[in-house]
Each structure stands twice: as structure tokens, then as C-alpha cells.
Amino acid sequence: MTADGNYSVTAEITDPAGNTSGQGKPTDFAVDTVAPSAPVLKAEDDGSVSVDLPTDANKGDTVEITFEDEKGDKHTVTLEKGDNGWTSDTPALIPDSNGDKATIPADNVKDNSEVTGIAKDPSGNESDPSTVTSKTDGVADAPVLTIPEVADGYANADELKDGLQAEVTLPAGTVEGAEITLTVTRPDKTTETVTHTVTKDEAAAGKVSVDIPKDAYKTAKTVSMSA
């Protein structure tokens, strides 16, 4: 049996005298040796990953997508072909498809991580895997700014005489050469910026110390700062 299709097998027995039992109850089955086409994955510039689902898929065929989320946890989401298109078993991670295309949103997939897709049919046939590496989503995590001298919400004259010392916790993945910008906003809405270029040691440590000069505050009684 090499051709795909429906088969039926029956059995009968004949004794030495030539008497035949007649055929017993047939066993029917299908031979299916052809896997669905592989899904086509594409890493989009916005950090999402698009999935072109196989157009030759039949009802009951599935596509399994394996990927890492932003925290590094691995997930496998299954899309199944039904009467009304493809549905996801975890729509919070990969929504139901629009036609023969599905998308992993940028917020759901880790930047620069491997995404794999494979198509399967109910007979157990599997396509070759498709693999792509996601791109960065272009939205960097914000650094965390701490100024110990104003932890109580105030800075007195003594604390301001030599400026303020800010500590910036860098987001994961920050590399040497990245630029940190501190913005001081005064009560009159004018601003002062202080920039700092991250060194190799600072990138490794994950923290940066930046001095904000006293001139940035002038005679203002209230200011706000952001990084």
C-alpha cells in the first residue's frame, strides 16, 4: 500500500476440504502519508512575527508555534483549521487568524529570539519546521531613576550646593555606548537635560551614577526629573 486513500481489509479461512468460511467483518482505514505544507514565518520590523498558515491544510490540521515571551518563558500555541478558518488554543498569546495569516504581537515575543512553526495533520504527518529570529520591537524599556537626596520629596540648600547625585538602573540589554538623558523640568516648564554615555563597566553592572549640576535647578522651589 503506497498510494494514499481509503482501504479495506477482510479475512476468510479455507479448510483442507475446500470449505470457506466467508469473509469476516472488514477493517477499514485510510492511508495518509502527505504532511501539510510548512508554515512560513516572517520577523517583522516592529518586533512582531507573522505566520502564513498552509493554504493546503484540511480541517483538523494544526500548526504549532513555539516561542519565548518577553520574560524568557517558552510557549507552544496550537492553531487548528476548522470550518471557519483557524482558531488559537491560546488567543491571549496568538489571536485567532485572519484568513490564512496569524501574528505573534511584538509584546508577546522576546526580542531576537527563535520562533519555530510546524504543521501537523491528524494522521501524525509533520511538515519540516520553519524557524525565524524575531527582531527588536523598537521600544526600549525605561531606565529607573533614583535620587537618594530627594527620597523625602525635598532638596534643601545644603543638598543642592554641589548638585544632586542620581542613580540610574539600566534596563536589561543596555550596551556600552548607550546614552542616558536626564530631564529636569522646572516650575516654569523650562527644562534642562543632562546626558551620560554608558561605559562597558556600567553596562555590565547595570547601574549608572550621574551628577545633576546645581545650575539645573537655579532658584526653583519645585522641579520634576525623568530619565
Protein backbone atom coordinates (compact mmCIF):
# COMPACT_ATOMS: atom_id res chain seq x y z
CA MET A 1 0.00 0.00 0.00
CA THR A 2 1.83 3.04 -1.23
CA ALA A 3 -0.98 5.25 -2.53
CA ASP A 4 -2.94 7.48 -0.20
CA GLY A 5 -6.63 6.73 0.04
CA ASN A 6 -9.21 4.54 1.77
CA TYR A 7 -8.51 0.83 2.19
CA SER A 8 -10.49 -2.15 3.45
CA VAL A 9 -9.10 -5.49 4.63
CA THR A 10 -11.13 -8.66 5.15
CA ALA A 11 -10.21 -12.18 6.26
CA GLU A 12 -11.56 -15.63 5.45
CA ILE A 13 -10.41 -19.16 6.08
CA THR A 14 -10.50 -22.25 3.89
CA ASP A 15 -10.10 -25.76 5.33
CA PRO A 16 -8.26 -28.64 3.59
CA ALA A 17 -11.54 -29.88 2.14
CA GLY A 18 -12.07 -26.58 0.38
CA ASN A 19 -14.78 -25.24 2.64
CA THR A 20 -14.61 -21.47 3.01
CA SER A 21 -15.81 -19.52 5.99
CA GLY A 22 -16.74 -16.46 4.03
CA GLN A 23 -15.33 -13.04 4.65
CA GLY A 24 -15.37 -11.67 8.16
CA LYS A 25 -16.09 -8.09 9.19
CA PRO A 26 -13.92 -5.72 7.17
CA THR A 27 -11.40 -3.38 8.74
CA ASP A 28 -11.47 -0.01 7.04
CA PHE A 29 -8.72 2.59 7.26
CA ALA A 30 -7.16 5.44 5.37
CA VAL A 31 -3.56 5.79 4.25
CA ASP A 32 -2.27 9.33 4.59
CA THR A 33 1.45 9.88 4.08
CA VAL A 34 1.42 13.51 2.95
CA ALA A 35 2.09 16.23 5.50
CA PRO A 36 0.63 19.72 5.21
CA SER A 37 2.91 22.40 3.83
CA ALA A 38 5.13 24.12 6.38
CA PRO A 39 4.02 27.49 7.74
CA VAL A 40 6.02 30.49 6.60
CA LEU A 41 7.32 32.70 9.41
CA LYS A 42 8.45 36.29 8.97
CA ALA A 43 10.08 38.55 11.56
CA GLU A 44 8.50 41.98 11.13
CA ASP A 45 10.36 45.25 11.71
CA ASP A 46 8.00 46.21 14.56
CA GLY A 47 9.06 43.16 16.59
CA SER A 48 6.03 41.01 15.79
CA VAL A 49 6.22 37.70 13.91
CA SER A 50 3.74 36.91 11.14
CA VAL A 51 2.75 33.35 10.31
CA ASP A 52 1.47 32.38 6.86
CA LEU A 53 -0.57 29.25 7.55
CA PRO A 54 -0.58 26.44 4.94
CA THR A 55 -3.26 27.04 2.32
CA ASP A 56 -3.44 23.31 1.52
CA ALA A 57 -4.41 22.43 5.10
CA ASN A 58 -7.55 20.40 5.74
CA LYS A 59 -9.98 20.51 8.63
CA GLY A 60 -8.27 19.16 11.73
CA ASP A 61 -4.75 20.07 10.61
CA THR A 62 -2.77 22.11 13.11
CA VAL A 63 0.18 24.47 13.24
CA GLU A 64 2.25 24.60 16.41
CA ILE A 65 4.19 27.80 17.09
CA THR A 66 6.92 27.70 19.75
CA PHE A 67 8.45 30.93 21.03
CA GLU A 68 9.69 32.79 24.10
CA ASP A 69 7.80 35.62 25.75
CA GLU A 70 9.38 38.86 26.97
CA LYS A 71 10.29 37.18 30.29
CA GLY A 72 12.07 34.31 28.54
CA ASP A 73 9.36 31.73 29.28
CA LYS A 74 8.76 29.27 26.43
CA HIS A 75 5.27 28.71 25.00
CA THR A 76 3.75 26.47 22.34
CA VAL A 77 0.49 27.71 20.84
CA THR A 78 -1.60 25.49 18.56
CA LEU A 79 -3.69 26.86 15.69
CA GLU A 80 -6.27 24.41 14.31
CA LYS A 81 -8.00 24.54 10.93
CA GLY A 82 -11.77 24.38 11.29
CA ASP A 83 -14.85 25.04 9.21
CA ASN A 84 -14.49 28.78 9.74
CA GLY A 85 -10.74 29.19 9.50
CA TRP A 86 -8.00 28.81 12.08
CA THR A 87 -8.51 29.13 15.82
CA SER A 88 -5.87 29.51 18.53
CA ASP A 89 -5.83 27.50 21.74
CA THR A 90 -4.23 30.49 23.49
CA PRO A 91 -5.63 33.65 21.88
CA ALA A 92 -4.04 35.84 24.56
CA LEU A 93 -0.64 34.96 23.06
CA ILE A 94 -1.56 34.42 19.41
CA PRO A 95 -5.03 35.63 18.40
CA ASP A 96 -7.24 33.64 16.04
CA SER A 97 -6.08 34.04 12.48
CA ASN A 98 -7.37 36.46 9.90
CA GLY A 99 -7.71 34.19 6.89
CA ASP A 100 -4.54 32.15 6.48
CA LYS A 101 -2.33 34.53 8.45
CA ALA A 102 -1.65 34.74 12.18
CA THR A 103 0.51 37.16 14.14
CA ILE A 104 2.50 36.97 17.36
CA PRO A 105 2.26 40.53 18.72
CA ALA A 106 5.56 42.26 19.49
CA ASP A 107 4.71 42.46 23.19
CA ASN A 108 4.28 38.67 23.34
CA VAL A 109 7.60 37.58 21.83
CA LYS A 110 11.10 38.20 23.17
CA ASP A 111 13.33 40.38 21.00
CA ASN A 112 15.98 38.50 18.99
CA SER A 113 14.63 35.09 19.99
CA GLU A 114 13.95 31.98 17.91
CA VAL A 115 10.40 31.25 16.75
CA THR A 116 9.56 27.85 15.25
CA GLY A 117 6.46 26.64 13.43
CA ILE A 118 5.46 23.16 12.30
CA ALA A 119 2.30 21.85 10.62
CA LYS A 120 0.70 18.52 11.53
CA ASP A 121 -2.27 16.50 10.34
CA PRO A 122 -4.48 14.07 12.31
CA SER A 123 -2.56 11.12 10.83
CA GLY A 124 0.62 12.27 12.53
CA ASN A 125 2.41 13.57 9.44
CA GLU A 126 4.56 16.62 10.15
CA SER A 127 5.96 19.29 7.87
CA ASP A 128 9.54 20.45 8.04
CA PRO A 129 9.94 23.07 10.77
CA SER A 130 10.15 26.75 9.87
CA THR A 131 12.35 28.95 12.03
CA VAL A 132 12.92 32.69 12.22
CA THR A 133 14.57 35.07 14.69
CA SER A 134 12.37 37.89 15.94
CA LYS A 135 13.52 41.49 15.64
CA THR A 136 13.60 44.19 18.29
CA ASP A 137 10.31 45.99 18.76
CA GLY A 138 11.99 49.39 18.73
CA VAL A 139 10.58 50.28 22.14
CA ALA A 140 13.24 50.24 24.84
CA ASP A 141 12.34 49.61 28.46
CA ALA A 142 12.68 52.76 30.53
CA PRO A 143 15.56 53.15 32.98
CA VAL A 144 14.73 53.52 36.68
CA LEU A 145 15.80 56.83 38.22
CA THR A 146 16.64 57.19 41.92
CA ILE A 147 17.90 60.33 43.68
CA PRO A 148 18.62 59.43 47.31
CA GLU A 149 18.90 63.09 48.39
CA VAL A 150 15.26 63.75 47.49
CA ALA A 151 13.82 60.48 48.76
CA ASP A 152 11.72 62.55 51.21
CA GLY A 153 10.42 64.71 48.37
CA TYR A 154 12.59 67.70 49.21
CA ALA A 155 16.06 69.06 48.47
CA ASN A 156 17.42 71.72 50.81
CA ALA A 157 20.09 74.31 50.13
CA ASP A 158 22.82 72.15 51.61
CA GLU A 159 21.87 69.21 49.38
CA LEU A 160 21.77 71.41 46.29
CA LYS A 161 25.08 73.20 46.79
CA ASP A 162 27.00 70.53 44.88
CA GLY A 163 24.11 69.41 42.68
CA LEU A 164 22.25 66.14 43.04
CA GLN A 165 23.62 62.66 42.54
CA ALA A 166 21.28 60.48 40.50
CA GLU A 167 21.41 56.70 40.24
CA VAL A 168 20.01 55.11 37.10
CA THR A 169 19.22 51.40 36.91
CA LEU A 170 19.66 50.32 33.30
CA PRO A 171 17.11 48.11 31.52
CA ALA A 172 18.18 44.61 30.52
CA GLY A 173 20.21 44.54 27.32
CA THR A 174 21.75 48.00 27.69
CA VAL A 175 25.12 48.03 25.96
CA GLU A 176 28.24 50.19 26.05
CA GLY A 177 27.69 53.44 24.18
CA ALA A 178 24.00 53.80 25.04
CA GLU A 179 23.07 57.34 26.05
CA ILE A 180 21.16 58.19 29.21
CA THR A 181 19.30 61.50 29.22
CA LEU A 182 18.04 63.08 32.44
CA THR A 183 15.48 65.84 32.02
CA VAL A 184 14.88 68.40 34.77
CA THR A 185 11.56 70.25 34.44
CA ARG A 186 11.26 73.49 36.38
CA PRO A 187 8.04 75.12 37.66
CA ASP A 188 8.00 77.49 34.68
CA LYS A 189 8.10 74.41 32.39
CA THR A 190 11.58 75.19 31.11
CA THR A 191 13.86 72.17 31.04
CA GLU A 192 17.48 71.24 31.48
CA THR A 193 18.95 67.99 30.16
CA VAL A 194 21.96 66.06 31.37
CA THR A 195 23.34 63.28 29.18
CA HIS A 196 25.66 60.43 30.03
CA THR A 197 27.19 57.75 27.80
CA VAL A 198 27.17 54.26 29.31
CA THR A 199 30.60 52.69 29.73
CA LYS A 200 31.42 49.00 29.40
CA ASP A 201 31.72 48.60 33.18
CA GLU A 202 28.42 50.41 33.77
CA ALA A 203 26.64 48.23 31.21
CA ALA A 204 27.96 45.13 32.99
CA ALA A 205 26.95 46.48 36.41
CA GLY A 206 23.52 47.58 35.22
CA LYS A 207 23.76 50.92 37.02
CA VAL A 208 24.98 54.44 36.25
CA SER A 209 25.71 57.39 38.55
CA VAL A 210 25.05 60.82 37.05
CA ASP A 211 25.67 64.21 38.67
CA ILE A 212 22.98 66.81 38.04
CA PRO A 213 24.62 70.25 38.39
CA LYS A 214 23.07 72.82 40.72
CA ASP A 215 22.58 75.21 37.79
CA ALA A 216 19.87 72.89 36.53
CA TYR A 217 17.68 73.96 39.46
CA LYS A 218 18.53 77.67 39.60
CA THR A 219 16.19 79.19 42.21
CA ALA A 220 13.25 76.90 41.57
CA LYS A 221 11.42 75.60 44.62
CA THR A 222 9.86 72.61 42.86
CA VAL A 223 11.20 70.55 39.99
CA SER A 224 10.50 67.17 38.42
CA MET A 225 13.03 64.80 36.93
CA SER A 226 12.79 61.94 34.48
CA ALA A 227 15.17 59.57 32.77
